[in-house]
Amino acid sequence: MNNTSVETIGCFKTILDPYNGLTIDQVSLPDSKQEFEINLDYLIEECEYKRNLVWIYIDIKRSDFIPIAIKRGFNFHSCEENYVLIVKRLIKNAIIPTAANHTLGVGAVVIHENKLLVIKERVSNLGFKLPGGHIDNSEMISTALVREVKEETGIDVEFESIISLGHFYPHQFHKSNLYILCIAKAKSFEINIEDTAEIIEAKWMDIDKYLEDENVLAYSKAVVIAAIEYKGFTRANHQTLTHINKDFELFFPKEIK
């Protein structure tokens, strides 16, 4: 066994991770249960006491492989619609990194000529809220912001800065929720709700009336006040991370001039 990042063991193409574990992707799985069982036993024997963990992504179409792995000490770690990720400790007390423990959301403070862009939801229609919603898998914060505002109001916006970060627990799926409130600049102004299944009203509302409205959450009011008084964290994808081959966004406090 070598220390290179990619290694073939039996029929499995494995990738070495930062936890001294080996990851097997779905494409490396054999066609039959018998072949999977034989190669899994060989893999465990080859890696025992040399690696800390073995991870296997099992396609939902090959779910009959799961009992075979469970009998050999694998446990469930996480999943998506079409796969289950299982893991086995090869060394006692080896560190298994936590699965995703939060959902992400983004909201927008959009102000134009002392008017605030607000929405009223169909599910919870008490008071007006700031437009926003879930950040999808692999989606950048600024991209999600533009998409959510467009879907809920029909308004095109441009990301300017992050003004608030909220952490809420418990939320969906017994996870935490991180909600990122951003300042955005309007590029269009005509209301045209696209997501009529969730949004029953969207409009430009006088800021003072919004802040005086008893049906508006104090939290939302605080965010709007902060957006008026502060610049927040602006996007600055400068040279600090250009060496990594990943999509990323960096945010830093706006320089006061």
C-alpha atoms as a PDB file:
ATOM      1  CA  MET A   1       0.000   0.000   0.000  1.00  0.00           C
ATOM      2  CA  ASN A   2       1.359   3.412  -0.986  1.00  0.00           C
ATOM      3  CA  ASN A   3       0.614   6.969   0.132  1.00  0.00           C
ATOM      4  CA  THR A   4      -0.526   8.380  -3.190  1.00  0.00           C
ATOM      5  CA  SER A   5      -3.967   9.978  -3.303  1.00  0.00           C
ATOM      6  CA  VAL A   6      -5.407   7.471  -5.805  1.00  0.00           C
ATOM      7  CA  GLU A   7      -4.949   3.722  -5.488  1.00  0.00           C
ATOM      8  CA  THR A   8      -6.672   0.628  -6.882  1.00  0.00           C
ATOM      9  CA  ILE A   9      -7.379  -2.121  -4.334  1.00  0.00           C
ATOM     10  CA  GLY A  10      -9.160  -5.135  -5.756  1.00  0.00           C
ATOM     11  CA  CYS A  11     -11.839  -3.742  -8.058  1.00  0.00           C
ATOM     12  CA  PHE A  12     -12.107  -0.493  -6.104  1.00  0.00           C
ATOM     13  CA  LYS A  13     -10.537   2.766  -7.167  1.00  0.00           C
ATOM     14  CA  THR A  14      -9.873   4.522  -3.848  1.00  0.00           C
ATOM     15  CA  ILE A  15      -9.048   8.136  -3.022  1.00  0.00           C
ATOM     16  CA  LEU A  16      -7.066   9.049   0.105  1.00  0.00           C
ATOM     17  CA  ASP A  17      -8.656  11.766   2.263  1.00  0.00           C
ATOM     18  CA  PRO A  18      -7.202  14.122   4.937  1.00  0.00           C
ATOM     19  CA  TYR A  19      -8.349  11.744   7.711  1.00  0.00           C
ATOM     20  CA  ASN A  20      -6.184   8.900   6.381  1.00  0.00           C
ATOM     21  CA  GLY A  21      -9.322   7.287   5.068  1.00  0.00           C
ATOM     22  CA  LEU A  22     -10.102   5.762   1.693  1.00  0.00           C
ATOM     23  CA  THR A  23     -13.157   6.807  -0.303  1.00  0.00           C
ATOM     24  CA  ILE A  24     -14.805   4.548  -2.870  1.00  0.00           C
ATOM     25  CA  ASP A  25     -17.101   6.254  -5.353  1.00  0.00           C
ATOM     26  CA  GLN A  26     -20.252   4.704  -6.837  1.00  0.00           C
ATOM     27  CA  VAL A  27     -18.614   4.138 -10.222  1.00  0.00           C
ATOM     28  CA  SER A  28     -16.118   1.713  -8.644  1.00  0.00           C
ATOM     29  CA  LEU A  29     -18.758  -0.674  -7.361  1.00  0.00           C
ATOM     30  CA  PRO A  30     -18.932  -4.080  -9.112  1.00  0.00           C
ATOM     31  CA  ASP A  31     -22.059  -5.452 -10.751  1.00  0.00           C
ATOM     32  CA  SER A  32     -22.805  -8.379  -8.431  1.00  0.00           C
ATOM     33  CA  LYS A  33     -23.216  -8.801  -4.675  1.00  0.00           C
ATOM     34  CA  GLN A  34     -20.779 -11.702  -4.693  1.00  0.00           C
ATOM     35  CA  GLU A  35     -18.090  -9.634  -6.389  1.00  0.00           C
ATOM     36  CA  PHE A  36     -18.735  -6.750  -3.986  1.00  0.00           C
ATOM     37  CA  GLU A  37     -18.444  -9.041  -0.963  1.00  0.00           C
ATOM     38  CA  ILE A  38     -15.168 -10.654  -2.116  1.00  0.00           C
ATOM     39  CA  ASN A  39     -13.540  -7.315  -2.977  1.00  0.00           C
ATOM     40  CA  LEU A  40     -14.771  -5.637   0.218  1.00  0.00           C
ATOM     41  CA  ASP A  41     -13.213  -8.354   2.372  1.00  0.00           C
ATOM     42  CA  TYR A  42      -9.942  -7.968   0.458  1.00  0.00           C
ATOM     43  CA  LEU A  43     -10.034  -4.180   0.859  1.00  0.00           C
ATOM     44  CA  ILE A  44     -10.594  -4.371   4.627  1.00  0.00           C
ATOM     45  CA  GLU A  45      -7.776  -6.885   5.033  1.00  0.00           C
ATOM     46  CA  GLU A  46      -5.368  -4.775   2.967  1.00  0.00           C
ATOM     47  CA  CYS A  47      -6.195  -1.513   4.768  1.00  0.00           C
ATOM     48  CA  GLU A  48      -6.572  -2.664   8.374  1.00  0.00           C
ATOM     49  CA  TYR A  49      -4.162  -0.859  10.728  1.00  0.00           C
ATOM     50  CA  LYS A  50      -2.842   1.142   7.760  1.00  0.00           C
ATOM     51  CA  ARG A  51      -5.798   3.435   7.114  1.00  0.00           C
ATOM     52  CA  ASN A  52      -8.234   4.929   9.590  1.00  0.00           C
ATOM     53  CA  LEU A  53     -11.497   4.817   7.664  1.00  0.00           C
ATOM     54  CA  VAL A  54     -13.184   3.393   4.593  1.00  0.00           C
ATOM     55  CA  TRP A  55     -16.006   5.357   2.956  1.00  0.00           C
ATOM     56  CA  ILE A  56     -18.325   3.910   0.307  1.00  0.00           C
ATOM     57  CA  TYR A  57     -20.900   5.782  -1.757  1.00  0.00           C
ATOM     58  CA  ILE A  58     -23.622   3.252  -2.589  1.00  0.00           C
ATOM     59  CA  ASP A  59     -26.036   4.076  -5.390  1.00  0.00           C
ATOM     60  CA  ILE A  60     -29.681   3.611  -4.422  1.00  0.00           C
ATOM     61  CA  LYS A  61     -30.005   1.126  -7.312  1.00  0.00           C
ATOM     62  CA  ARG A  62     -27.424  -1.046  -5.534  1.00  0.00           C
ATOM     63  CA  SER A  63     -28.980  -0.836  -2.086  1.00  0.00           C
ATOM     64  CA  ASP A  64     -28.709  -4.622  -1.820  1.00  0.00           C
ATOM     65  CA  PHE A  65     -24.988  -4.027  -1.191  1.00  0.00           C
ATOM     66  CA  ILE A  66     -25.775  -2.219   2.071  1.00  0.00           C
ATOM     67  CA  PRO A  67     -26.493  -5.316   4.274  1.00  0.00           C
ATOM     68  CA  ILE A  68     -23.196  -6.833   3.118  1.00  0.00           C
ATOM     69  CA  ALA A  69     -21.286  -3.762   4.277  1.00  0.00           C
ATOM     70  CA  ILE A  70     -23.240  -3.421   7.525  1.00  0.00           C
ATOM     71  CA  LYS A  71     -22.285  -7.006   8.482  1.00  0.00           C
ATOM     72  CA  ARG A  72     -18.658  -5.934   8.121  1.00  0.00           C
ATOM     73  CA  GLY A  73     -18.933  -3.032  10.543  1.00  0.00           C
ATOM     74  CA  PHE A  74     -19.969  -0.170   8.278  1.00  0.00           C
ATOM     75  CA  ASN A  75     -22.375   2.473   9.591  1.00  0.00           C
ATOM     76  CA  PHE A  76     -24.599   5.046   7.927  1.00  0.00           C
ATOM     77  CA  HIS A  77     -23.092   8.518   7.678  1.00  0.00           C
ATOM     78  CA  SER A  78     -25.199  10.631   5.305  1.00  0.00           C
ATOM     79  CA  CYS A  79     -27.265  10.434   2.148  1.00  0.00           C
ATOM     80  CA  GLU A  80     -28.813  12.243  -0.791  1.00  0.00           C
ATOM     81  CA  GLU A  81     -31.696  11.290  -3.080  1.00  0.00           C
ATOM     82  CA  ASN A  82     -29.718   8.717  -5.049  1.00  0.00           C
ATOM     83  CA  TYR A  83     -27.028   7.417  -2.691  1.00  0.00           C
ATOM     84  CA  VAL A  84     -26.114   6.419   0.852  1.00  0.00           C
ATOM     85  CA  LEU A  85     -22.653   7.151   2.263  1.00  0.00           C
ATOM     86  CA  ILE A  86     -21.413   4.518   4.720  1.00  0.00           C
ATOM     87  CA  VAL A  87     -18.208   4.432   6.735  1.00  0.00           C
ATOM     88  CA  LYS A  88     -16.163   1.899   8.699  1.00  0.00           C
ATOM     89  CA  ARG A  89     -13.510   2.578  11.325  1.00  0.00           C
ATOM     90  CA  LEU A  90     -10.404   0.496  10.712  1.00  0.00           C
ATOM     91  CA  ILE A  91      -8.717   1.902  13.816  1.00  0.00           C
ATOM     92  CA  LYS A  92     -10.483   2.311  17.154  1.00  0.00           C
ATOM     93  CA  ASN A  93     -11.566   5.894  17.910  1.00  0.00           C
ATOM     94  CA  ALA A  94     -10.612   7.099  14.428  1.00  0.00           C
ATOM     95  CA  ILE A  95     -12.145  10.538  13.840  1.00  0.00           C
ATOM     96  CA  ILE A  96     -15.200  10.523  11.594  1.00  0.00           C
ATOM     97  CA  PRO A  97     -16.004  14.076  10.448  1.00  0.00           C
ATOM     98  CA  THR A  98     -19.563  15.187  11.172  1.00  0.00           C
ATOM     99  CA  ALA A  99     -22.090  15.024   8.363  1.00  0.00           C
ATOM    100  CA  ALA A 100     -23.647  18.279   7.184  1.00  0.00           C
ATOM    101  CA  ASN A 101     -25.320  19.690  10.295  1.00  0.00           C
ATOM    102  CA  HIS A 102     -27.070  22.756   8.951  1.00  0.00           C
ATOM    103  CA  THR A 103     -29.175  24.141   6.147  1.00  0.00           C
ATOM    104  CA  LEU A 104     -28.401  27.455   4.463  1.00  0.00           C
ATOM    105  CA  GLY A 105     -30.704  30.308   3.605  1.00  0.00           C
ATOM    106  CA  VAL A 106     -30.332  33.793   2.167  1.00  0.00           C
ATOM    107  CA  GLY A 107     -32.470  36.917   2.414  1.00  0.00           C
ATOM    108  CA  ALA A 108     -32.315  40.335   0.781  1.00  0.00           C
ATOM    109  CA  VAL A 109     -32.632  43.934   1.907  1.00  0.00           C
ATOM    110  CA  VAL A 110     -33.431  45.811  -1.296  1.00  0.00           C
ATOM    111  CA  ILE A 111     -33.999  49.561  -0.908  1.00  0.00           C
ATOM    112  CA  HIS A 112     -34.855  52.014  -3.687  1.00  0.00           C
ATOM    113  CA  GLU A 113     -35.867  55.632  -3.149  1.00  0.00           C
ATOM    114  CA  ASN A 114     -36.762  54.990   0.500  1.00  0.00           C
ATOM    115  CA  LYS A 115     -38.893  51.986  -0.479  1.00  0.00           C
ATOM    116  CA  LEU A 116     -38.184  48.463   0.774  1.00  0.00           C
ATOM    117  CA  LEU A 117     -38.882  45.339  -1.276  1.00  0.00           C
ATOM    118  CA  VAL A 118     -41.068  43.001   0.809  1.00  0.00           C
ATOM    119  CA  ILE A 119     -43.115  39.836   0.383  1.00  0.00           C
ATOM    120  CA  LYS A 120     -45.989  38.050   2.089  1.00  0.00           C
ATOM    121  CA  GLU A 121     -45.873  34.262   2.206  1.00  0.00           C
ATOM    122  CA  ARG A 122     -48.841  31.971   1.633  1.00  0.00           C
ATOM    123  CA  VAL A 123     -47.952  29.679   4.560  1.00  0.00           C
ATOM    124  CA  SER A 124     -47.281  32.415   7.112  1.00  0.00           C
ATOM    125  CA  ASN A 125     -49.020  35.542   5.895  1.00  0.00           C
ATOM    126  CA  LEU A 126     -48.863  37.606   9.091  1.00  0.00           C
ATOM    127  CA  GLY A 127     -46.877  40.715   8.221  1.00  0.00           C
ATOM    128  CA  PHE A 128     -44.447  41.419   5.419  1.00  0.00           C
ATOM    129  CA  LYS A 129     -41.038  39.776   5.250  1.00  0.00           C
ATOM    130  CA  LEU A 130     -37.808  40.244   3.367  1.00  0.00           C
ATOM    131  CA  PRO A 131     -37.549  38.086   0.219  1.00  0.00           C
ATOM    132  CA  GLY A 132     -35.311  35.047   0.434  1.00  0.00           C
ATOM    133  CA  GLY A 133     -35.104  31.282   0.754  1.00  0.00           C
ATOM    134  CA  HIS A 134     -32.899  28.192   0.593  1.00  0.00           C
ATOM    135  CA  ILE A 135     -29.432  28.105  -0.913  1.00  0.00           C
ATOM    136  CA  ASP A 136     -29.300  25.052  -3.176  1.00  0.00           C
ATOM    137  CA  ASN A 137     -26.471  22.518  -3.183  1.00  0.00           C
ATOM    138  CA  SER A 138     -23.305  23.936  -4.808  1.00  0.00           C
ATOM    139  CA  GLU A 139     -24.952  27.357  -5.219  1.00  0.00           C
ATOM    140  CA  MET A 140     -23.025  30.506  -4.351  1.00  0.00           C
ATOM    141  CA  ILE A 141     -24.562  32.936  -1.839  1.00  0.00           C
ATOM    142  CA  SER A 142     -24.784  35.778  -4.341  1.00  0.00           C
ATOM    143  CA  THR A 143     -26.332  33.507  -6.990  1.00  0.00           C
ATOM    144  CA  ALA A 144     -28.969  32.221  -4.570  1.00  0.00           C
ATOM    145  CA  LEU A 145     -29.788  35.779  -3.550  1.00  0.00           C
ATOM    146  CA  VAL A 146     -30.444  36.881  -7.130  1.00  0.00           C
ATOM    147  CA  ARG A 147     -32.496  33.760  -7.864  1.00  0.00           C
ATOM    148  CA  GLU A 148     -34.672  33.931  -4.739  1.00  0.00           C
ATOM    149  CA  VAL A 149     -35.512  37.620  -5.137  1.00  0.00           C
ATOM    150  CA  LYS A 150     -36.380  37.064  -8.798  1.00  0.00           C
ATOM    151  CA  GLU A 151     -38.624  34.095  -8.032  1.00  0.00           C
ATOM    152  CA  GLU A 152     -40.479  35.800  -5.192  1.00  0.00           C
ATOM    153  CA  THR A 153     -40.837  39.331  -6.589  1.00  0.00           C
ATOM    154  CA  GLY A 154     -39.805  39.386 -10.257  1.00  0.00           C
ATOM    155  CA  ILE A 155     -37.195  42.017  -9.414  1.00  0.00           C
ATOM    156  CA  ASP A 156     -33.656  41.670 -10.801  1.00  0.00           C
ATOM    157  CA  VAL A 157     -31.031  42.503  -8.181  1.00  0.00           C
ATOM    158  CA  GLU A 158     -27.273  42.657  -7.802  1.00  0.00           C
ATOM    159  CA  PHE A 159     -25.522  41.460  -4.651  1.00  0.00           C
ATOM    160  CA  GLU A 160     -23.748  44.203  -2.689  1.00  0.00           C
ATOM    161  CA  SER A 161     -22.834  42.916   0.796  1.00  0.00           C
ATOM    162  CA  ILE A 162     -23.640  40.629   3.724  1.00  0.00           C
ATOM    163  CA  ILE A 163     -25.194  42.533   6.608  1.00  0.00           C
ATOM    164  CA  SER A 164     -26.306  39.842   9.076  1.00  0.00           C
ATOM    165  CA  LEU A 165     -25.786  36.170   9.897  1.00  0.00           C
ATOM    166  CA  GLY A 166     -28.348  34.291  11.970  1.00  0.00           C
ATOM    167  CA  HIS A 167     -27.998  30.831  13.520  1.00  0.00           C
ATOM    168  CA  PHE A 168     -31.234  29.020  14.417  1.00  0.00           C
ATOM    169  CA  TYR A 169     -31.773  25.636  16.082  1.00  0.00           C
ATOM    170  CA  PRO A 170     -33.691  23.399  15.784  1.00  0.00           C
ATOM    171  CA  HIS A 171     -34.682  23.800  12.148  1.00  0.00           C
ATOM    172  CA  GLN A 172     -35.523  21.359   9.354  1.00  0.00           C
ATOM    173  CA  PHE A 173     -34.374  17.729   9.714  1.00  0.00           C
ATOM    174  CA  HIS A 174     -33.192  18.377  13.319  1.00  0.00           C
ATOM    175  CA  LYS A 175     -30.373  20.537  11.938  1.00  0.00           C
ATOM    176  CA  SER A 176     -29.217  24.085  12.508  1.00  0.00           C
ATOM    177  CA  ASN A 177     -30.020  26.811  10.010  1.00  0.00           C
ATOM    178  CA  LEU A 178     -27.647  29.573   8.976  1.00  0.00           C
ATOM    179  CA  TYR A 179     -29.507  32.502   7.461  1.00  0.00           C
ATOM    180  CA  ILE A 180     -27.479  35.110   5.592  1.00  0.00           C
ATOM    181  CA  LEU A 181     -29.049  38.534   5.122  1.00  0.00           C
ATOM    182  CA  CYS A 182     -27.627  40.580   2.269  1.00  0.00           C
ATOM    183  CA  ILE A 183     -27.927  44.068   0.866  1.00  0.00           C
ATOM    184  CA  ALA A 184     -28.836  44.021  -2.819  1.00  0.00           C
ATOM    185  CA  LYS A 185     -29.269  46.704  -5.447  1.00  0.00           C
ATOM    186  CA  ALA A 186     -32.391  46.675  -7.608  1.00  0.00           C
ATOM    187  CA  LYS A 187     -31.822  46.523 -11.362  1.00  0.00           C
ATOM    188  CA  SER A 188     -35.522  46.423 -12.251  1.00  0.00           C
ATOM    189  CA  PHE A 189     -38.567  47.681 -10.392  1.00  0.00           C
ATOM    190  CA  GLU A 190     -41.787  46.099 -11.692  1.00  0.00           C
ATOM    191  CA  ILE A 191     -43.273  43.460  -9.407  1.00  0.00           C
ATOM    192  CA  ASN A 192     -44.035  40.156 -11.119  1.00  0.00           C
ATOM    193  CA  ILE A 193     -44.219  37.197  -8.723  1.00  0.00           C
ATOM    194  CA  GLU A 194     -42.944  33.964 -10.293  1.00  0.00           C
ATOM    195  CA  ASP A 195     -43.356  31.671  -7.273  1.00  0.00           C
ATOM    196  CA  THR A 196     -47.109  32.125  -6.812  1.00  0.00           C
ATOM    197  CA  ALA A 197     -47.340  28.800  -4.964  1.00  0.00           C
ATOM    198  CA  GLU A 198     -45.460  30.300  -1.978  1.00  0.00           C
ATOM    199  CA  ILE A 199     -45.813  34.084  -2.344  1.00  0.00           C
ATOM    200  CA  ILE A 200     -49.194  35.828  -2.278  1.00  0.00           C
ATOM    201  CA  GLU A 201     -47.964  39.420  -2.379  1.00  0.00           C
ATOM    202  CA  ALA A 202     -44.815  41.409  -3.129  1.00  0.00           C
ATOM    203  CA  LYS A 203     -44.462  45.168  -3.149  1.00  0.00           C
ATOM    204  CA  TRP A 204     -42.280  48.211  -2.565  1.00  0.00           C
ATOM    205  CA  MET A 205     -43.119  49.469   0.939  1.00  0.00           C
ATOM    206  CA  ASP A 206     -42.201  52.749   2.604  1.00  0.00           C
ATOM    207  CA  ILE A 207     -39.326  51.974   5.004  1.00  0.00           C
ATOM    208  CA  ASP A 208     -40.780  53.998   7.880  1.00  0.00           C
ATOM    209  CA  LYS A 209     -44.110  52.183   7.557  1.00  0.00           C
ATOM    210  CA  TYR A 210     -42.298  48.842   7.567  1.00  0.00           C
ATOM    211  CA  LEU A 211     -40.376  49.722  10.723  1.00  0.00           C
ATOM    212  CA  GLU A 212     -43.585  50.899  12.413  1.00  0.00           C
ATOM    213  CA  ASP A 213     -45.669  47.866  11.395  1.00  0.00           C
ATOM    214  CA  GLU A 214     -46.540  45.808  14.501  1.00  0.00           C
ATOM    215  CA  ASN A 215     -46.862  42.646  12.412  1.00  0.00           C
ATOM    216  CA  VAL A 216     -43.234  42.793  11.243  1.00  0.00           C
ATOM    217  CA  LEU A 217     -40.738  40.755  13.274  1.00  0.00           C
ATOM    218  CA  ALA A 218     -38.319  42.790  15.395  1.00  0.00           C
ATOM    219  CA  TYR A 219     -35.528  40.700  13.870  1.00  0.00           C
ATOM    220  CA  SER A 220     -36.439  41.822  10.349  1.00  0.00           C
ATOM    221  CA  LYS A 221     -36.598  45.447  11.475  1.00  0.00           C
ATOM    222  CA  ALA A 222     -33.146  45.165  13.062  1.00  0.00           C
ATOM    223  CA  VAL A 223     -31.722  43.803   9.816  1.00  0.00           C
ATOM    224  CA  VAL A 224     -33.187  46.670   7.783  1.00  0.00           C
ATOM    225  CA  ILE A 225     -31.840  49.260  10.230  1.00  0.00           C
ATOM    226  CA  ALA A 226     -28.393  47.649  10.068  1.00  0.00           C
ATOM    227  CA  ALA A 227     -28.527  47.731   6.257  1.00  0.00           C
ATOM    228  CA  ILE A 228     -29.262  51.454   6.357  1.00  0.00           C
ATOM    229  CA  GLU A 229     -26.509  52.274   8.856  1.00  0.00           C
ATOM    230  CA  TYR A 230     -23.699  49.908   7.835  1.00  0.00           C
ATOM    231  CA  LYS A 231     -22.015  48.605   4.677  1.00  0.00           C
ATOM    232  CA  GLY A 232     -21.465  45.026   5.845  1.00  0.00           C
ATOM    233  CA  PHE A 233     -19.122  42.466   4.276  1.00  0.00           C
ATOM    234  CA  THR A 234     -18.538  42.913   0.554  1.00  0.00           C
ATOM    235  CA  ARG A 235     -17.415  40.241  -1.886  1.00  0.00           C
ATOM    236  CA  ALA A 236     -13.698  40.345  -2.573  1.00  0.00           C
ATOM    237  CA  ASN A 237     -12.439  37.309  -4.463  1.00  0.00           C
ATOM    238  CA  HIS A 238      -8.864  38.487  -4.599  1.00  0.00           C
ATOM    239  CA  GLN A 239      -5.668  36.462  -4.860  1.00  0.00           C
ATOM    240  CA  THR A 240      -5.781  34.679  -1.485  1.00  0.00           C
ATOM    241  CA  LEU A 241      -7.454  31.504  -2.786  1.00  0.00           C
ATOM    242  CA  THR A 242      -6.825  31.523  -6.516  1.00  0.00           C
ATOM    243  CA  HIS A 243      -4.598  28.460  -6.103  1.00  0.00           C
ATOM    244  CA  ILE A 244      -7.534  26.155  -5.244  1.00  0.00           C
ATOM    245  CA  ASN A 245      -9.623  24.502  -7.929  1.00  0.00           C
ATOM    246  CA  LYS A 246     -13.002  25.247  -6.353  1.00  0.00           C
ATOM    247  CA  ASP A 247     -15.835  27.713  -6.673  1.00  0.00           C
ATOM    248  CA  PHE A 248     -15.692  30.165  -3.789  1.00  0.00           C
ATOM    249  CA  GLU A 249     -16.796  33.527  -2.487  1.00  0.00           C
ATOM    250  CA  LEU A 250     -14.869  35.610   0.043  1.00  0.00           C
ATOM    251  CA  PHE A 251     -16.379  38.434   2.070  1.00  0.00           C
ATOM    252  CA  PHE A 252     -14.523  41.148   3.981  1.00  0.00           C
ATOM    253  CA  PRO A 253     -15.618  44.285   5.859  1.00  0.00           C
ATOM    254  CA  LYS A 254     -15.977  47.206   3.503  1.00  0.00           C
ATOM    255  CA  GLU A 255     -13.150  49.681   3.859  1.00  0.00           C
ATOM    256  CA  ILE A 256     -14.213  53.026   5.318  1.00  0.00           C
ATOM    257  CA  LYS A 257     -12.945  55.905   3.219  1.00  0.00           C
END
